[in-house]
N, C-alpha and C. Protein backbone atom coordinates (compact mmCIF):
# COMPACT_ATOMS: atom_id res chain seq x y z
N MET A 1 197.68 295.32 146.21
CA MET A 1 197.14 296.24 147.20
C MET A 1 196.99 297.61 146.54
N VAL A 2 195.87 298.24 146.80
CA VAL A 2 195.62 299.58 146.29
C VAL A 2 196.07 300.63 147.29
N GLY A 3 195.84 300.39 148.56
CA GLY A 3 196.21 301.36 149.58
C GLY A 3 196.22 300.72 150.95
N GLN A 4 196.49 301.52 151.96
CA GLN A 4 196.52 301.05 153.34
C GLN A 4 195.51 301.82 154.17
N LEU A 5 194.86 301.13 155.09
CA LEU A 5 193.91 301.77 155.97
C LEU A 5 194.63 302.78 156.85
N ARG A 6 194.16 304.02 156.86
CA ARG A 6 194.76 305.06 157.70
C ARG A 6 193.98 305.21 159.00
N SER A 7 192.65 305.33 158.92
CA SER A 7 191.83 305.57 160.11
C SER A 7 190.45 304.99 159.93
N VAL A 8 189.82 304.67 161.04
CA VAL A 8 188.38 304.43 161.10
C VAL A 8 187.81 305.75 161.60
N VAL A 9 186.79 306.28 160.93
CA VAL A 9 186.27 307.61 161.25
C VAL A 9 184.80 307.50 161.67
N LEU A 10 184.49 308.11 162.82
CA LEU A 10 183.12 308.14 163.32
C LEU A 10 182.59 309.57 163.27
N ASP A 11 181.43 309.76 162.68
CA ASP A 11 180.75 311.05 162.73
C ASP A 11 180.16 311.24 164.11
N CYS A 12 180.10 312.47 164.56
CA CYS A 12 179.54 312.77 165.88
C CYS A 12 179.30 314.27 166.01
N PRO A 13 178.51 314.69 167.00
CA PRO A 13 178.27 316.13 167.17
C PRO A 13 179.46 316.87 167.79
N GLU A 14 180.19 316.26 168.73
CA GLU A 14 181.32 316.91 169.41
C GLU A 14 182.52 315.97 169.43
N PRO A 15 183.43 316.09 168.48
CA PRO A 15 184.56 315.16 168.36
C PRO A 15 185.40 315.02 169.62
N SER A 16 185.69 316.09 170.30
CA SER A 16 186.55 316.02 171.48
C SER A 16 185.90 315.19 172.59
N GLU A 17 184.61 315.37 172.79
CA GLU A 17 183.90 314.63 173.83
C GLU A 17 183.86 313.14 173.52
N LEU A 18 183.55 312.78 172.27
CA LEU A 18 183.48 311.36 171.94
C LEU A 18 184.87 310.74 171.96
N ALA A 19 185.88 311.49 171.53
CA ALA A 19 187.26 310.98 171.61
C ALA A 19 187.64 310.69 173.05
N SER A 20 187.22 311.52 173.99
CA SER A 20 187.52 311.28 175.41
C SER A 20 186.91 309.97 175.89
N PHE A 21 185.68 309.69 175.47
CA PHE A 21 185.03 308.43 175.82
C PHE A 21 185.88 307.24 175.35
N TYR A 22 186.29 307.27 174.08
CA TYR A 22 187.06 306.15 173.53
C TYR A 22 188.48 306.11 174.08
N GLU A 23 189.06 307.24 174.45
CA GLU A 23 190.37 307.23 175.10
C GLU A 23 190.31 306.42 176.39
N GLU A 24 189.27 306.64 177.18
CA GLU A 24 189.10 305.92 178.45
C GLU A 24 188.74 304.46 178.21
N LEU A 25 187.85 304.21 177.27
CA LEU A 25 187.41 302.84 176.99
C LEU A 25 188.57 301.97 176.51
N LEU A 26 189.42 302.52 175.65
CA LEU A 26 190.44 301.72 174.99
C LEU A 26 191.86 301.97 175.49
N GLY A 27 192.03 302.90 176.43
CA GLY A 27 193.37 303.24 176.87
C GLY A 27 194.16 303.86 175.74
N ALA A 28 193.50 304.69 174.96
CA ALA A 28 194.10 305.28 173.76
C ALA A 28 194.81 306.59 174.07
N GLU A 29 195.57 307.05 173.09
CA GLU A 29 196.31 308.31 173.20
C GLU A 29 195.79 309.27 172.13
N ARG A 30 195.51 310.50 172.52
CA ARG A 30 195.04 311.51 171.58
C ARG A 30 196.23 312.13 170.85
N LEU A 31 196.10 312.28 169.54
CA LEU A 31 197.13 312.96 168.77
C LEU A 31 196.94 314.47 168.91
N PRO A 32 198.01 315.23 168.93
CA PRO A 32 197.92 316.66 169.24
C PRO A 32 197.43 317.56 168.11
N ASP A 33 197.27 317.05 166.91
CA ASP A 33 196.97 317.95 165.79
C ASP A 33 195.48 318.10 165.49
N GLY A 34 194.60 317.80 166.43
CA GLY A 34 193.17 317.92 166.20
C GLY A 34 192.66 319.33 166.43
N ASP A 35 191.39 319.53 166.14
CA ASP A 35 190.72 320.80 166.42
C ASP A 35 189.28 320.48 166.81
N GLU A 36 188.39 321.48 166.77
CA GLU A 36 187.02 321.24 167.21
C GLU A 36 186.20 320.43 166.21
N THR A 37 186.73 320.22 165.00
CA THR A 37 185.98 319.47 163.99
C THR A 37 186.56 318.09 163.70
N TRP A 38 187.78 317.80 164.20
CA TRP A 38 188.46 316.55 163.85
C TRP A 38 189.43 316.20 164.96
N VAL A 39 189.26 315.04 165.59
CA VAL A 39 190.15 314.57 166.65
C VAL A 39 190.53 313.13 166.33
N VAL A 40 191.80 312.79 166.56
CA VAL A 40 192.29 311.44 166.29
C VAL A 40 192.90 310.86 167.56
N ILE A 41 192.57 309.59 167.83
CA ILE A 41 193.21 308.84 168.90
C ILE A 41 193.88 307.62 168.28
N VAL A 42 194.83 307.05 169.01
CA VAL A 42 195.49 305.82 168.57
C VAL A 42 195.31 304.79 169.69
N ALA A 43 194.72 303.66 169.34
CA ALA A 43 194.48 302.56 170.28
C ALA A 43 195.11 301.30 169.71
N ASN A 44 196.12 300.78 170.40
CA ASN A 44 196.81 299.57 169.94
C ASN A 44 197.28 299.69 168.49
N GLY A 45 197.77 300.86 168.12
CA GLY A 45 198.28 301.07 166.78
C GLY A 45 197.23 301.43 165.74
N THR A 46 195.97 301.45 166.11
CA THR A 46 194.89 301.78 165.18
C THR A 46 194.41 303.21 165.41
N ARG A 47 194.35 303.97 164.33
CA ARG A 47 193.85 305.34 164.40
C ARG A 47 192.32 305.33 164.34
N ILE A 48 191.70 306.01 165.28
CA ILE A 48 190.25 306.22 165.25
C ILE A 48 190.05 307.73 165.25
N ALA A 49 189.35 308.22 164.24
CA ALA A 49 189.12 309.66 164.11
C ALA A 49 187.65 309.97 164.38
N PHE A 50 187.43 311.16 164.90
CA PHE A 50 186.08 311.63 165.23
C PHE A 50 185.88 312.93 164.47
N GLN A 51 184.85 312.95 163.64
CA GLN A 51 184.61 314.05 162.72
C GLN A 51 183.28 314.71 163.05
N ARG A 52 183.29 316.04 163.16
CA ARG A 52 182.04 316.75 163.46
C ARG A 52 181.06 316.61 162.30
N ALA A 53 179.85 316.21 162.66
CA ALA A 53 178.73 316.15 161.73
C ALA A 53 177.63 317.00 162.35
N THR A 54 177.42 318.18 161.81
CA THR A 54 176.50 319.14 162.44
C THR A 54 175.06 318.65 162.49
N GLU A 55 174.68 317.77 161.57
CA GLU A 55 173.31 317.24 161.57
C GLU A 55 173.33 315.74 161.86
N TYR A 56 174.18 315.34 162.79
CA TYR A 56 174.35 313.93 163.15
C TYR A 56 173.04 313.34 163.65
N VAL A 57 172.74 312.15 163.18
CA VAL A 57 171.60 311.37 163.65
C VAL A 57 172.14 310.01 164.08
N ALA A 58 171.92 309.65 165.33
CA ALA A 58 172.45 308.38 165.85
C ALA A 58 171.78 307.19 165.19
N PRO A 59 172.54 306.11 164.98
CA PRO A 59 171.92 304.88 164.47
C PRO A 59 170.99 304.29 165.52
N VAL A 60 170.06 303.49 165.07
CA VAL A 60 169.13 302.80 165.97
C VAL A 60 169.51 301.33 165.97
N PHE A 61 169.59 300.75 167.16
CA PHE A 61 169.93 299.32 167.26
C PHE A 61 168.99 298.66 168.23
N PRO A 62 168.45 297.53 167.91
CA PRO A 62 168.42 296.96 166.57
C PRO A 62 167.36 297.65 165.72
N ASP A 63 167.59 297.74 164.43
CA ASP A 63 166.65 298.34 163.50
C ASP A 63 166.49 297.40 162.32
N PRO A 64 165.34 296.76 162.18
CA PRO A 64 165.16 295.79 161.10
C PRO A 64 165.14 296.43 159.71
N HIS A 65 165.03 297.77 159.64
CA HIS A 65 164.92 298.44 158.34
C HIS A 65 166.20 299.14 157.91
N ALA A 66 167.21 299.15 158.76
CA ALA A 66 168.47 299.81 158.40
C ALA A 66 169.61 299.11 159.14
N SER A 67 170.80 299.19 158.58
CA SER A 67 171.94 298.57 159.24
C SER A 67 172.58 299.54 160.22
N GLN A 68 173.43 299.01 161.08
CA GLN A 68 174.15 299.86 162.03
C GLN A 68 175.38 300.50 161.37
N GLN A 69 175.65 300.18 160.13
CA GLN A 69 176.74 300.73 159.33
C GLN A 69 178.11 300.21 159.75
N VAL A 70 178.52 300.47 160.98
CA VAL A 70 179.83 300.04 161.47
C VAL A 70 179.75 299.95 162.99
N HIS A 71 180.53 299.06 163.58
CA HIS A 71 180.64 299.04 165.03
C HIS A 71 182.02 298.51 165.41
N LEU A 72 182.44 298.80 166.63
CA LEU A 72 183.72 298.35 167.13
C LEU A 72 183.51 297.18 168.08
N ASP A 73 184.37 296.18 168.01
CA ASP A 73 184.40 295.07 168.96
C ASP A 73 185.56 295.33 169.92
N VAL A 74 185.26 295.35 171.22
CA VAL A 74 186.26 295.62 172.25
C VAL A 74 186.41 294.36 173.10
N LEU A 75 187.59 293.76 173.05
CA LEU A 75 187.87 292.53 173.79
C LEU A 75 188.15 292.86 175.25
N VAL A 76 187.47 292.16 176.17
CA VAL A 76 187.69 292.34 177.61
C VAL A 76 187.95 290.98 178.24
N ASP A 77 188.63 290.99 179.39
CA ASP A 77 188.87 289.74 180.12
C ASP A 77 187.62 289.26 180.84
N ASP A 78 186.88 290.19 181.45
CA ASP A 78 185.73 289.85 182.27
C ASP A 78 184.64 290.89 182.05
N VAL A 79 183.57 290.50 181.38
CA VAL A 79 182.52 291.46 181.06
C VAL A 79 181.82 291.99 182.31
N GLU A 80 181.73 291.17 183.36
CA GLU A 80 181.07 291.63 184.58
C GLU A 80 181.88 292.74 185.26
N GLU A 81 183.18 292.73 185.08
CA GLU A 81 184.04 293.78 185.60
C GLU A 81 184.05 294.99 184.66
N ALA A 82 184.03 294.74 183.36
CA ALA A 82 184.11 295.82 182.37
C ALA A 82 182.81 296.60 182.23
N GLU A 83 181.67 295.92 182.35
CA GLU A 83 180.40 296.60 182.10
C GLU A 83 180.16 297.81 183.00
N PRO A 84 180.33 297.73 184.31
CA PRO A 84 180.10 298.93 185.12
C PRO A 84 181.03 300.09 184.75
N LYS A 85 182.25 299.76 184.34
CA LYS A 85 183.20 300.80 183.94
C LYS A 85 182.75 301.50 182.67
N VAL A 86 182.30 300.73 181.69
CA VAL A 86 181.89 301.33 180.43
C VAL A 86 180.60 302.13 180.61
N LEU A 87 179.71 301.67 181.47
CA LEU A 87 178.49 302.43 181.75
C LEU A 87 178.82 303.73 182.47
N ALA A 88 179.80 303.71 183.37
CA ALA A 88 180.21 304.92 184.08
C ALA A 88 180.83 305.95 183.13
N LEU A 89 181.41 305.49 182.03
CA LEU A 89 181.97 306.41 181.03
C LEU A 89 180.89 307.08 180.19
N GLY A 90 179.67 306.56 180.24
CA GLY A 90 178.58 307.16 179.48
C GLY A 90 177.95 306.26 178.44
N ALA A 91 178.37 305.00 178.38
CA ALA A 91 177.77 304.06 177.43
C ALA A 91 176.39 303.63 177.93
N ARG A 92 175.59 303.10 177.02
CA ARG A 92 174.29 302.52 177.36
C ARG A 92 174.27 301.07 176.90
N LEU A 93 173.72 300.19 177.71
CA LEU A 93 173.54 298.79 177.32
C LEU A 93 172.38 298.71 176.33
N LEU A 94 172.60 298.09 175.18
CA LEU A 94 171.55 297.92 174.19
C LEU A 94 171.01 296.50 174.16
N GLN A 95 171.91 295.51 174.33
CA GLN A 95 171.47 294.12 174.24
C GLN A 95 172.39 293.24 175.07
N LYS A 96 171.81 292.66 176.13
CA LYS A 96 172.59 291.80 177.01
C LYS A 96 172.40 290.33 176.67
N ASP A 97 171.22 289.97 176.22
CA ASP A 97 170.89 288.58 175.94
C ASP A 97 171.39 288.22 174.54
N THR A 98 172.68 287.87 174.46
CA THR A 98 173.29 287.51 173.18
C THR A 98 173.71 286.05 173.24
N ASP A 99 174.68 285.67 172.47
CA ASP A 99 175.13 284.28 172.41
C ASP A 99 176.02 283.88 173.58
N GLY A 100 176.18 284.73 174.58
CA GLY A 100 176.98 284.40 175.74
C GLY A 100 178.45 284.75 175.60
N TRP A 101 178.83 285.48 174.56
CA TRP A 101 180.23 285.89 174.42
C TRP A 101 180.39 287.35 174.00
N PHE A 102 179.26 288.08 173.91
CA PHE A 102 179.33 289.52 173.65
C PHE A 102 178.06 290.20 174.15
N ARG A 103 178.18 291.51 174.39
CA ARG A 103 177.06 292.38 174.73
C ARG A 103 177.16 293.64 173.89
N VAL A 104 176.02 294.20 173.53
CA VAL A 104 175.98 295.37 172.66
C VAL A 104 175.67 296.62 173.48
N TYR A 105 176.44 297.66 173.24
CA TYR A 105 176.29 298.95 173.93
C TYR A 105 176.24 300.06 172.89
N ALA A 106 175.89 301.25 173.33
CA ALA A 106 175.99 302.45 172.50
C ALA A 106 176.93 303.42 173.21
N ASP A 107 177.78 304.09 172.43
CA ASP A 107 178.63 305.13 173.01
C ASP A 107 177.76 306.34 173.35
N PRO A 108 178.30 307.40 173.92
CA PRO A 108 177.47 308.53 174.35
C PRO A 108 176.64 309.20 173.25
N VAL A 109 177.01 309.04 171.98
CA VAL A 109 176.20 309.63 170.91
C VAL A 109 175.48 308.59 170.07
N GLY A 110 175.47 307.33 170.51
CA GLY A 110 174.64 306.32 169.88
C GLY A 110 175.30 305.31 168.97
N HIS A 111 176.62 305.41 168.70
CA HIS A 111 177.28 304.39 167.88
C HIS A 111 177.30 303.07 168.64
N PRO A 112 176.84 301.99 168.04
CA PRO A 112 176.91 300.70 168.72
C PRO A 112 178.35 300.18 168.78
N PHE A 113 178.66 299.49 169.86
CA PHE A 113 179.91 298.75 169.98
C PHE A 113 179.66 297.55 170.87
N CYS A 114 180.52 296.55 170.78
CA CYS A 114 180.34 295.33 171.56
C CYS A 114 181.51 295.14 172.51
N LEU A 115 181.20 294.66 173.70
CA LEU A 115 182.21 294.08 174.57
C LEU A 115 182.14 292.59 174.32
N LEU A 116 183.27 291.99 174.02
CA LEU A 116 183.29 290.54 173.82
C LEU A 116 184.41 289.94 174.63
N TRP A 117 184.23 288.69 174.97
CA TRP A 117 185.19 288.00 175.83
C TRP A 117 185.32 286.57 175.34
N LEU A 118 186.47 286.00 175.65
CA LEU A 118 186.73 284.61 175.29
C LEU A 118 186.43 283.75 176.51
N SER A 119 185.55 282.80 176.37
CA SER A 119 185.16 281.95 177.50
C SER A 119 186.20 280.92 177.82
């Protein structure tokens, strides 16, 4: 082993706002040592950091000419119950017609993420 994963980091225009979205989505806890350029939350023992990118450009999904770079998979018990909640937090549905076990959404600044469930 060379090292250990410390955090998954997402670029965004306003770290505090995007951290709030993921706090609600994942039931996460915000760490107190952030500022306006860097905020960290912990969800199920995993650190997710939000870093200000002043010239942030949201990924496009689906985009046949570029990859989405990274996305989060969020496990839910019932997607029909979870979907209205995630939309109320500010997410957008990107793709509903999938293989029947996940749906693709974008967070408030455009990062794709999936809700997935076990049938």
